[in-house]
């Protein structure tokens, strides 16, 4: 059994802070884009009051699934790998070539079985 957290809403508050930091980052990115006006700050709506009559059990989340807390105001940039269109074309050609070879071998094997069975 998992030990109970002192503050059952602590994880929810932490997630809310992460979302707020992400929204601030999005506002900064929109403000930096050329030709766009600065967006009006959208006020965060406070969460509805939580009933304290029955506490919620802590979520069952694997330890490695929760990301480390992000420092206030800094969100790491998402880095996507560069994709070479030539390599994609070569991979597609290779896949089609392998597919044709497999289909040809299956067809030859089925013809060989049909000839072997029909010859008796």
Protein backbone atom coordinates (compact mmCIF):
# COMPACT_ATOMS: atom_id res chain seq x y z
CA UNK A 1 0.00 0.00 0.00
CA UNK A 2 1.32 3.44 -0.88
CA UNK A 3 1.89 5.95 1.92
CA UNK A 4 -0.63 8.77 1.94
CA UNK A 5 0.54 12.18 0.84
CA UNK A 6 0.30 15.01 3.34
CA UNK A 7 -1.31 17.22 0.71
CA UNK A 8 -3.49 15.16 -1.66
CA UNK A 9 -3.87 18.16 -4.00
CA UNK A 10 -0.14 18.87 -4.15
CA UNK A 11 0.32 17.01 -7.41
CA UNK A 12 -2.65 18.85 -8.93
CA UNK A 13 -1.21 22.20 -7.86
CA UNK A 14 2.20 21.24 -9.31
CA UNK A 15 0.57 20.29 -12.61
CA UNK A 16 -1.37 23.57 -12.64
CA UNK A 17 1.88 25.51 -12.18
CA UNK A 18 3.45 23.60 -15.08
CA UNK A 19 0.50 24.46 -17.31
CA UNK A 20 0.68 28.12 -16.25
CA UNK A 21 4.41 28.20 -17.07
CA UNK A 22 3.69 26.65 -20.47
CA UNK A 23 0.99 29.25 -21.18
CA UNK A 24 3.43 32.05 -20.30
CA UNK A 25 5.97 30.52 -22.68
CA UNK A 26 3.34 30.32 -25.46
CA UNK A 27 2.46 33.99 -24.91
CA UNK A 28 6.15 34.91 -25.22
CA UNK A 29 6.51 32.91 -28.45
CA UNK A 30 3.41 34.54 -29.95
CA UNK A 31 4.66 37.98 -28.97
CA UNK A 32 8.03 37.28 -30.65
CA UNK A 33 6.49 36.19 -33.96
CA UNK A 34 6.78 38.85 -36.68
CA UNK A 35 3.67 40.75 -37.68
CA UNK A 36 1.62 39.61 -34.71
CA UNK A 37 0.36 41.82 -31.94
CA UNK A 38 0.93 40.89 -28.33
CA UNK A 39 -1.88 38.67 -27.03
CA UNK A 40 -3.87 39.82 -24.06
CA UNK A 41 -3.01 37.86 -20.98
CA UNK A 42 -5.67 35.29 -20.32
CA UNK A 43 -6.40 35.13 -16.61
CA UNK A 44 -6.13 31.70 -15.08
CA UNK A 45 -9.44 30.51 -13.73
CA UNK A 46 -9.10 29.16 -10.21
CA UNK A 47 -10.05 25.51 -9.86
CA UNK A 48 -13.43 24.68 -8.36
CA UNK A 49 -13.45 24.04 -4.63
CA UNK A 50 -12.67 20.48 -3.69
CA UNK A 51 -14.88 18.62 -1.28
CA UNK A 52 -12.90 17.52 1.77
CA UNK A 53 -15.42 14.89 2.84
CA UNK A 54 -13.70 12.06 0.94
CA UNK A 55 -10.00 12.50 0.02
CA UNK A 56 -8.90 11.31 -3.39
CA UNK A 57 -6.40 8.44 -3.44
CA UNK A 58 -2.99 9.31 -4.92
CA UNK A 59 -2.67 8.47 -8.62
CA UNK A 60 -0.79 5.32 -9.52
CA UNK A 61 1.94 6.72 -11.74
CA UNK A 62 5.30 5.03 -12.35
CA UNK A 63 8.17 6.91 -10.74
CA UNK A 64 9.95 7.68 -14.04
CA UNK A 65 6.77 8.96 -15.73
CA UNK A 66 6.65 12.25 -13.81
CA UNK A 67 9.00 14.83 -15.36
CA UNK A 68 11.33 16.87 -13.20
CA UNK A 69 9.94 20.26 -12.14
CA UNK A 70 10.68 23.11 -14.53
CA UNK A 71 12.26 26.27 -13.18
CA UNK A 72 9.82 29.16 -13.22
CA UNK A 73 9.75 30.96 -16.54
CA UNK A 74 12.06 28.56 -18.38
CA UNK A 75 10.71 25.85 -20.62
CA UNK A 76 13.23 23.84 -22.62
CA UNK A 77 13.04 24.13 -26.37
CA UNK A 78 11.67 21.11 -28.22
CA UNK A 79 14.37 19.76 -30.50
CA UNK A 80 13.20 17.69 -33.45
CA UNK A 81 15.66 15.67 -35.52
CA UNK A 82 16.42 16.86 -39.01
CA UNK A 83 14.95 14.50 -41.62
CA UNK A 84 16.66 14.09 -44.96
CA UNK A 85 14.08 13.62 -47.74
CA UNK A 86 16.59 11.54 -49.71
CA UNK A 87 16.95 9.03 -46.89
CA UNK A 88 13.17 8.68 -46.63
CA UNK A 89 12.96 7.98 -50.36
CA UNK A 90 15.71 5.34 -50.06
CA UNK A 91 13.93 3.67 -47.13
CA UNK A 92 10.67 3.53 -49.07
CA UNK A 93 12.43 2.04 -52.11
CA UNK A 94 14.14 -0.55 -49.91
CA UNK A 95 10.83 -1.47 -48.26
CA UNK A 96 9.06 -1.84 -51.61
CA UNK A 97 11.92 -3.94 -52.97
CA UNK A 98 11.77 -6.26 -49.94
CA UNK A 99 8.00 -6.49 -50.31
CA UNK A 100 8.29 -7.48 -54.00
CA UNK A 101 10.90 -10.13 -53.16
CA UNK A 102 8.72 -11.61 -50.39
CA UNK A 103 5.62 -11.68 -52.63
CA UNK A 104 7.61 -13.27 -55.47
CA UNK A 105 9.01 -15.96 -53.16
CA UNK A 106 5.56 -16.71 -51.75
CA UNK A 107 4.10 -16.93 -55.26
CA UNK A 108 6.91 -19.25 -56.41
CA UNK A 109 6.47 -21.43 -53.33
CA UNK A 110 2.72 -21.68 -53.84
CA UNK A 111 3.20 -22.61 -57.52
CA UNK A 112 5.78 -25.24 -56.54
CA UNK A 113 3.39 -26.71 -53.96
CA UNK A 114 0.53 -26.70 -56.48
CA UNK A 115 2.69 -28.48 -59.11
CA UNK A 116 3.93 -31.00 -56.53
CA UNK A 117 0.40 -31.78 -55.31
CA UNK A 118 -1.08 -31.82 -58.83
CA UNK A 119 1.67 -34.10 -60.18
CA UNK A 120 0.66 -37.05 -58.02
